[in-house]
Amino acid sequence: MVDVGPVGTEYAQNVVKKIAVVEDNPDNRLLVRVILDSLYEVTEYETGSSALEGLQSNLPDLVLLDVSLPEMDGTEVLQRIRADARLRNLPIIALTAHAMSTDREKFLAAGFDDYVSKPIVDENLLLDAIKAKLSAPS
């Protein structure tokens, strides 16, 4: 139940944030779900096209987007989200096994808001990135 203030406003700290996880690998989806499930409402998508469709009816507060997806890669999904007036301001964190020193800059230049490399060895890196983007002014 959401607490309502004296003039009908919701107290932000009591509203569970929603995170969409776009990841084709079931093991990676499971790991992310285990890390996030007790803190956020998590919706999972296996493909970019299913994510684009689902985001229209289930708008999250943040997207974790795998870069290497089948059919439509994460960069193309990102471009389509940024082209959609309703979705363009969503914070999107790249989740990727690309971990070369120049990859972070490449993904940020492409329009991602942050970058977390896989495998996720330190869950605090993921949690800190999410927290920073969710608390940033929109």
N, C-alpha and C. Protein backbone atom coordinates (compact mmCIF):
# COMPACT_ATOMS: atom_id res chain seq x y z
N MET A 1 0.84 -1.17 0.00
CA MET A 1 0.00 0.00 0.00
C MET A 1 0.89 1.24 0.00
N VAL A 2 0.51 2.24 -0.76
CA VAL A 2 1.26 3.49 -0.87
C VAL A 2 0.70 4.48 0.15
N ASP A 3 1.58 5.09 0.94
CA ASP A 3 1.15 6.12 1.89
C ASP A 3 0.76 7.37 1.13
N VAL A 4 -0.31 7.99 1.54
CA VAL A 4 -0.76 9.21 0.89
C VAL A 4 -0.65 10.35 1.90
N GLY A 5 -0.06 11.45 1.46
CA GLY A 5 0.13 12.61 2.32
C GLY A 5 -1.17 13.36 2.54
N PRO A 6 -1.13 14.39 3.36
CA PRO A 6 -2.34 15.13 3.72
C PRO A 6 -3.07 15.75 2.54
N VAL A 7 -2.36 16.08 1.47
CA VAL A 7 -3.05 16.67 0.32
C VAL A 7 -3.14 15.70 -0.84
N GLY A 8 -2.99 14.42 -0.55
CA GLY A 8 -3.15 13.39 -1.58
C GLY A 8 -1.90 13.08 -2.37
N THR A 9 -0.75 13.56 -1.96
CA THR A 9 0.48 13.25 -2.69
C THR A 9 1.11 11.99 -2.13
N GLU A 10 1.70 11.20 -3.00
CA GLU A 10 2.38 9.98 -2.56
C GLU A 10 3.76 10.33 -2.02
N TYR A 11 4.14 9.68 -0.95
CA TYR A 11 5.50 9.83 -0.44
C TYR A 11 6.41 8.98 -1.31
N ALA A 12 7.35 9.62 -1.98
CA ALA A 12 8.19 8.95 -2.98
C ALA A 12 8.95 7.76 -2.40
N GLN A 13 9.40 7.84 -1.14
CA GLN A 13 10.20 6.76 -0.59
C GLN A 13 9.40 5.47 -0.42
N ASN A 14 8.07 5.53 -0.47
CA ASN A 14 7.26 4.34 -0.31
C ASN A 14 6.80 3.74 -1.63
N VAL A 15 7.18 4.34 -2.72
CA VAL A 15 6.79 3.84 -4.03
C VAL A 15 7.92 2.95 -4.56
N VAL A 16 7.60 1.70 -4.86
CA VAL A 16 8.61 0.77 -5.38
C VAL A 16 8.91 1.14 -6.83
N LYS A 17 10.17 1.35 -7.13
CA LYS A 17 10.59 1.68 -8.50
C LYS A 17 10.55 0.43 -9.37
N LYS A 18 10.26 0.65 -10.65
CA LYS A 18 10.16 -0.45 -11.61
C LYS A 18 11.37 -0.46 -12.53
N ILE A 19 11.96 -1.64 -12.69
CA ILE A 19 13.12 -1.80 -13.56
C ILE A 19 12.81 -2.86 -14.61
N ALA A 20 13.07 -2.51 -15.86
CA ALA A 20 12.94 -3.46 -16.96
C ALA A 20 14.33 -4.03 -17.26
N VAL A 21 14.42 -5.34 -17.32
CA VAL A 21 15.67 -6.02 -17.64
C VAL A 21 15.52 -6.66 -19.01
N VAL A 22 16.35 -6.22 -19.96
CA VAL A 22 16.31 -6.75 -21.32
C VAL A 22 17.58 -7.57 -21.50
N GLU A 23 17.43 -8.89 -21.45
CA GLU A 23 18.58 -9.80 -21.43
C GLU A 23 18.14 -11.14 -22.01
N ASP A 24 18.86 -11.63 -23.02
CA ASP A 24 18.47 -12.88 -23.65
C ASP A 24 18.96 -14.12 -22.91
N ASN A 25 19.98 -14.00 -22.09
CA ASN A 25 20.54 -15.15 -21.39
C ASN A 25 19.76 -15.40 -20.09
N PRO A 26 19.13 -16.58 -19.97
CA PRO A 26 18.31 -16.84 -18.78
C PRO A 26 19.11 -16.83 -17.48
N ASP A 27 20.36 -17.26 -17.51
CA ASP A 27 21.19 -17.24 -16.30
C ASP A 27 21.46 -15.81 -15.85
N ASN A 28 21.74 -14.93 -16.81
CA ASN A 28 21.98 -13.53 -16.47
C ASN A 28 20.71 -12.86 -15.96
N ARG A 29 19.56 -13.19 -16.57
CA ARG A 29 18.29 -12.64 -16.09
C ARG A 29 18.02 -13.08 -14.66
N LEU A 30 18.29 -14.35 -14.38
CA LEU A 30 18.08 -14.87 -13.03
C LEU A 30 18.98 -14.16 -12.03
N LEU A 31 20.24 -13.98 -12.36
CA LEU A 31 21.17 -13.30 -11.47
C LEU A 31 20.70 -11.88 -11.18
N VAL A 32 20.32 -11.14 -12.21
CA VAL A 32 19.85 -9.77 -12.02
C VAL A 32 18.58 -9.76 -11.17
N ARG A 33 17.69 -10.70 -11.43
CA ARG A 33 16.44 -10.77 -10.65
C ARG A 33 16.75 -11.03 -9.17
N VAL A 34 17.67 -11.95 -8.89
CA VAL A 34 18.02 -12.25 -7.50
C VAL A 34 18.60 -11.02 -6.81
N ILE A 35 19.41 -10.26 -7.53
CA ILE A 35 20.01 -9.05 -6.96
C ILE A 35 18.96 -7.97 -6.71
N LEU A 36 18.00 -7.83 -7.61
CA LEU A 36 17.09 -6.69 -7.57
C LEU A 36 15.72 -6.96 -6.94
N ASP A 37 15.31 -8.22 -6.92
CA ASP A 37 13.93 -8.56 -6.58
C ASP A 37 13.43 -8.00 -5.24
N SER A 38 14.27 -7.96 -4.24
CA SER A 38 13.81 -7.48 -2.93
C SER A 38 13.78 -5.95 -2.86
N LEU A 39 14.33 -5.28 -3.87
CA LEU A 39 14.43 -3.82 -3.85
C LEU A 39 13.53 -3.12 -4.86
N TYR A 40 13.26 -3.79 -5.97
CA TYR A 40 12.54 -3.17 -7.08
C TYR A 40 11.52 -4.14 -7.66
N GLU A 41 10.57 -3.58 -8.39
CA GLU A 41 9.66 -4.40 -9.19
C GLU A 41 10.37 -4.65 -10.52
N VAL A 42 10.63 -5.91 -10.84
CA VAL A 42 11.43 -6.26 -12.01
C VAL A 42 10.54 -6.89 -13.07
N THR A 43 10.66 -6.38 -14.30
CA THR A 43 10.01 -6.97 -15.46
C THR A 43 11.11 -7.40 -16.41
N GLU A 44 11.01 -8.62 -16.92
CA GLU A 44 12.05 -9.16 -17.79
C GLU A 44 11.57 -9.28 -19.23
N TYR A 45 12.50 -8.99 -20.15
CA TYR A 45 12.26 -9.16 -21.58
C TYR A 45 13.44 -9.91 -22.15
N GLU A 46 13.15 -10.86 -23.04
CA GLU A 46 14.19 -11.72 -23.62
C GLU A 46 14.75 -11.15 -24.91
N THR A 47 13.98 -10.29 -25.58
CA THR A 47 14.42 -9.72 -26.85
C THR A 47 14.17 -8.22 -26.87
N GLY A 48 14.86 -7.54 -27.77
CA GLY A 48 14.65 -6.11 -27.93
C GLY A 48 13.25 -5.78 -28.38
N SER A 49 12.73 -6.56 -29.33
CA SER A 49 11.38 -6.26 -29.84
C SER A 49 10.32 -6.48 -28.76
N SER A 50 10.47 -7.52 -27.93
CA SER A 50 9.49 -7.72 -26.86
C SER A 50 9.60 -6.59 -25.83
N ALA A 51 10.81 -6.10 -25.60
CA ALA A 51 10.99 -4.98 -24.67
C ALA A 51 10.31 -3.72 -25.21
N LEU A 52 10.54 -3.41 -26.48
CA LEU A 52 9.94 -2.21 -27.07
C LEU A 52 8.42 -2.26 -26.99
N GLU A 53 7.87 -3.44 -27.21
CA GLU A 53 6.42 -3.61 -27.11
C GLU A 53 5.96 -3.48 -25.65
N GLY A 54 6.65 -4.15 -24.75
CA GLY A 54 6.26 -4.15 -23.34
C GLY A 54 6.41 -2.80 -22.66
N LEU A 55 7.43 -2.04 -23.05
CA LEU A 55 7.66 -0.73 -22.44
C LEU A 55 6.51 0.24 -22.71
N GLN A 56 5.79 0.01 -23.80
CA GLN A 56 4.66 0.87 -24.13
C GLN A 56 3.52 0.75 -23.11
N SER A 57 3.32 -0.47 -22.60
CA SER A 57 2.22 -0.68 -21.66
C SER A 57 2.67 -0.78 -20.21
N ASN A 58 3.96 -1.00 -19.99
CA ASN A 58 4.48 -1.15 -18.63
C ASN A 58 5.73 -0.29 -18.50
N LEU A 59 5.51 1.01 -18.32
CA LEU A 59 6.61 1.97 -18.29
C LEU A 59 7.43 1.82 -17.01
N PRO A 60 8.72 1.50 -17.14
CA PRO A 60 9.57 1.37 -15.95
C PRO A 60 10.19 2.71 -15.56
N ASP A 61 10.90 2.71 -14.45
CA ASP A 61 11.65 3.88 -14.03
C ASP A 61 13.08 3.84 -14.57
N LEU A 62 13.54 2.65 -14.98
CA LEU A 62 14.90 2.46 -15.48
C LEU A 62 14.95 1.17 -16.29
N VAL A 63 15.86 1.14 -17.27
CA VAL A 63 16.03 -0.05 -18.11
C VAL A 63 17.48 -0.53 -17.99
N LEU A 64 17.65 -1.82 -17.75
CA LEU A 64 18.95 -2.49 -17.86
C LEU A 64 18.92 -3.20 -19.19
N LEU A 65 19.80 -2.83 -20.10
CA LEU A 65 19.73 -3.30 -21.48
C LEU A 65 21.01 -4.00 -21.90
N ASP A 66 20.89 -5.29 -22.18
CA ASP A 66 22.01 -6.05 -22.72
C ASP A 66 22.34 -5.51 -24.10
N VAL A 67 23.61 -5.37 -24.40
CA VAL A 67 24.02 -4.83 -25.68
C VAL A 67 23.97 -5.89 -26.77
N SER A 68 24.29 -7.14 -26.44
CA SER A 68 24.35 -8.21 -27.43
C SER A 68 23.09 -9.07 -27.38
N LEU A 69 22.05 -8.58 -28.05
CA LEU A 69 20.78 -9.31 -28.12
C LEU A 69 20.62 -9.90 -29.51
N PRO A 70 19.91 -11.03 -29.63
CA PRO A 70 19.64 -11.57 -30.97
C PRO A 70 18.62 -10.70 -31.70
N GLU A 71 18.62 -10.76 -33.00
CA GLU A 71 17.68 -10.05 -33.88
C GLU A 71 17.92 -8.55 -33.92
N MET A 72 17.81 -7.88 -32.77
CA MET A 72 17.98 -6.43 -32.69
C MET A 72 18.91 -6.17 -31.51
N ASP A 73 20.10 -5.64 -31.77
CA ASP A 73 21.05 -5.47 -30.66
C ASP A 73 20.63 -4.31 -29.76
N GLY A 74 21.27 -4.25 -28.60
CA GLY A 74 20.91 -3.26 -27.60
C GLY A 74 21.05 -1.83 -28.06
N THR A 75 22.02 -1.56 -28.92
CA THR A 75 22.21 -0.20 -29.41
C THR A 75 21.02 0.23 -30.28
N GLU A 76 20.50 -0.69 -31.08
CA GLU A 76 19.32 -0.38 -31.89
C GLU A 76 18.09 -0.20 -31.00
N VAL A 77 17.95 -1.04 -29.97
CA VAL A 77 16.85 -0.88 -29.02
C VAL A 77 16.94 0.49 -28.36
N LEU A 78 18.15 0.87 -27.95
CA LEU A 78 18.37 2.18 -27.35
C LEU A 78 17.94 3.30 -28.29
N GLN A 79 18.33 3.21 -29.56
CA GLN A 79 17.97 4.25 -30.54
C GLN A 79 16.46 4.36 -30.69
N ARG A 80 15.78 3.23 -30.69
CA ARG A 80 14.31 3.26 -30.83
C ARG A 80 13.64 3.84 -29.58
N ILE A 81 14.20 3.53 -28.41
CA ILE A 81 13.66 4.11 -27.18
C ILE A 81 13.87 5.62 -27.19
N ARG A 82 15.05 6.06 -27.57
CA ARG A 82 15.36 7.50 -27.59
C ARG A 82 14.53 8.24 -28.64
N ALA A 83 14.06 7.54 -29.67
CA ALA A 83 13.23 8.16 -30.71
C ALA A 83 11.76 8.24 -30.31
N ASP A 84 11.37 7.57 -29.25
CA ASP A 84 9.99 7.55 -28.79
C ASP A 84 9.79 8.65 -27.74
N ALA A 85 8.92 9.59 -28.01
CA ALA A 85 8.73 10.74 -27.12
C ALA A 85 8.37 10.31 -25.70
N ARG A 86 7.62 9.25 -25.56
CA ARG A 86 7.17 8.80 -24.24
C ARG A 86 8.30 8.11 -23.46
N LEU A 87 9.24 7.49 -24.18
CA LEU A 87 10.29 6.69 -23.54
C LEU A 87 11.65 7.36 -23.50
N ARG A 88 11.85 8.41 -24.30
CA ARG A 88 13.20 8.94 -24.54
C ARG A 88 13.97 9.35 -23.31
N ASN A 89 13.30 9.72 -22.24
CA ASN A 89 14.02 10.18 -21.04
C ASN A 89 14.27 9.08 -20.01
N LEU A 90 13.91 7.85 -20.34
CA LEU A 90 14.18 6.74 -19.43
C LEU A 90 15.69 6.58 -19.22
N PRO A 91 16.14 6.43 -17.98
CA PRO A 91 17.55 6.10 -17.78
C PRO A 91 17.80 4.67 -18.25
N ILE A 92 18.84 4.49 -19.05
CA ILE A 92 19.16 3.17 -19.61
C ILE A 92 20.61 2.84 -19.32
N ILE A 93 20.80 1.72 -18.64
CA ILE A 93 22.14 1.26 -18.29
C ILE A 93 22.49 0.08 -19.19
N ALA A 94 23.63 0.19 -19.88
CA ALA A 94 24.11 -0.92 -20.71
C ALA A 94 24.61 -2.02 -19.79
N LEU A 95 24.16 -3.23 -20.06
CA LEU A 95 24.64 -4.42 -19.36
C LEU A 95 25.36 -5.24 -20.42
N THR A 96 26.67 -5.38 -20.30
CA THR A 96 27.38 -5.98 -21.41
C THR A 96 28.64 -6.72 -21.00
N ALA A 97 28.97 -7.73 -21.78
CA ALA A 97 30.22 -8.46 -21.57
C ALA A 97 31.39 -7.75 -22.25
N HIS A 98 31.09 -6.69 -23.02
CA HIS A 98 32.15 -5.89 -23.64
C HIS A 98 32.80 -5.07 -22.54
N ALA A 99 34.01 -5.40 -22.18
CA ALA A 99 34.64 -4.76 -21.02
C ALA A 99 36.02 -4.20 -21.32
N MET A 100 36.27 -3.85 -22.57
CA MET A 100 37.54 -3.22 -22.90
C MET A 100 37.53 -1.79 -22.37
N SER A 101 38.68 -1.21 -22.22
CA SER A 101 38.78 0.13 -21.61
C SER A 101 38.02 1.20 -22.41
N THR A 102 37.92 1.04 -23.70
CA THR A 102 37.22 2.05 -24.51
C THR A 102 35.72 1.78 -24.65
N ASP A 103 35.25 0.62 -24.20
CA ASP A 103 33.84 0.28 -24.37
C ASP A 103 32.91 1.21 -23.59
N ARG A 104 33.29 1.56 -22.37
CA ARG A 104 32.45 2.43 -21.56
C ARG A 104 32.15 3.74 -22.30
N GLU A 105 33.20 4.38 -22.81
CA GLU A 105 33.03 5.64 -23.52
C GLU A 105 32.19 5.45 -24.78
N LYS A 106 32.39 4.33 -25.46
CA LYS A 106 31.63 4.04 -26.68
C LYS A 106 30.13 3.93 -26.37
N PHE A 107 29.79 3.23 -25.30
CA PHE A 107 28.37 3.05 -24.97
C PHE A 107 27.75 4.34 -24.43
N LEU A 108 28.50 5.10 -23.66
CA LEU A 108 27.98 6.38 -23.19
C LEU A 108 27.77 7.34 -24.36
N ALA A 109 28.69 7.34 -25.32
CA ALA A 109 28.55 8.18 -26.51
C ALA A 109 27.35 7.76 -27.36
N ALA A 110 27.01 6.47 -27.32
CA ALA A 110 25.86 5.97 -28.08
C ALA A 110 24.53 6.40 -27.46
N GLY A 111 24.56 6.87 -26.21
CA GLY A 111 23.33 7.34 -25.58
C GLY A 111 22.91 6.60 -24.32
N PHE A 112 23.69 5.59 -23.92
CA PHE A 112 23.39 4.93 -22.66
C PHE A 112 23.71 5.89 -21.52
N ASP A 113 23.02 5.78 -20.41
CA ASP A 113 23.25 6.65 -19.26
C ASP A 113 24.36 6.13 -18.36
N ASP A 114 24.61 4.83 -18.42
CA ASP A 114 25.70 4.23 -17.65
C ASP A 114 26.00 2.87 -18.24
N TYR A 115 26.96 2.20 -17.64
CA TYR A 115 27.50 0.96 -18.20
C TYR A 115 27.91 0.06 -17.03
N VAL A 116 27.47 -1.19 -17.07
CA VAL A 116 27.89 -2.18 -16.08
C VAL A 116 28.32 -3.42 -16.86
N SER A 117 29.53 -3.89 -16.58
CA SER A 117 30.03 -5.04 -17.33
C SER A 117 29.58 -6.35 -16.69
N LYS A 118 29.43 -7.36 -17.54
CA LYS A 118 29.10 -8.73 -17.11
C LYS A 118 30.36 -9.57 -17.29
N PRO A 119 30.52 -10.61 -16.54
CA PRO A 119 29.59 -11.06 -15.50
C PRO A 119 29.60 -10.10 -14.31
N ILE A 120 28.45 -10.05 -13.65
CA ILE A 120 28.33 -9.19 -12.48
C ILE A 120 28.98 -9.91 -11.30
N VAL A 121 30.16 -9.46 -10.94
CA VAL A 121 30.91 -10.07 -9.85
C VAL A 121 30.62 -9.35 -8.55
N ASP A 122 30.51 -8.03 -8.62
CA ASP A 122 30.22 -7.22 -7.44
C ASP A 122 28.85 -6.58 -7.64
N GLU A 123 27.85 -7.12 -6.98
CA GLU A 123 26.49 -6.61 -7.17
C GLU A 123 26.35 -5.15 -6.77
N ASN A 124 27.22 -4.65 -5.92
CA ASN A 124 27.15 -3.25 -5.50
C ASN A 124 27.42 -2.30 -6.66
N LEU A 125 28.22 -2.71 -7.64
CA LEU A 125 28.44 -1.87 -8.82
C LEU A 125 27.12 -1.65 -9.56
N LEU A 126 26.36 -2.72 -9.72
CA LEU A 126 25.05 -2.63 -10.38
C LEU A 126 24.09 -1.80 -9.54
N LEU A 127 24.01 -2.11 -8.26
CA LEU A 127 23.08 -1.41 -7.37
C LEU A 127 23.41 0.08 -7.27
N ASP A 128 24.69 0.42 -7.22
CA ASP A 128 25.09 1.83 -7.15
C ASP A 128 24.74 2.57 -8.43
N ALA A 129 24.94 1.92 -9.58
CA ALA A 129 24.61 2.54 -10.87
C ALA A 129 23.11 2.80 -10.95
N ILE A 130 22.31 1.83 -10.53
CA ILE A 130 20.86 1.98 -10.55
C ILE A 130 20.42 3.10 -9.61
N LYS A 131 20.93 3.08 -8.40
CA LYS A 131 20.56 4.09 -7.41
C LYS A 131 20.92 5.49 -7.90
N ALA A 132 22.10 5.64 -8.51
CA ALA A 132 22.52 6.95 -9.01
C ALA A 132 21.57 7.45 -10.10
N LYS A 133 21.16 6.58 -11.00
CA LYS A 133 20.28 7.01 -12.10
C LYS A 133 18.86 7.26 -11.62
N LEU A 134 18.40 6.48 -10.65
CA LEU A 134 17.03 6.68 -10.15
C LEU A 134 16.92 7.93 -9.29
N SER A 135 18.01 8.34 -8.68
CA SER A 135 17.95 9.53 -7.83
C SER A 135 18.38 10.80 -8.58
N ALA A 136 18.86 10.64 -9.81
CA ALA A 136 19.27 11.81 -10.60
C ALA A 136 18.04 12.58 -11.06
N PRO A 137 18.14 13.91 -11.12
CA PRO A 137 17.01 14.68 -11.64
C PRO A 137 16.75 14.33 -13.10
N SER A 138 15.49 14.27 -13.47
CA SER A 138 15.18 13.89 -14.86
C SER A 138 15.28 15.01 -15.83
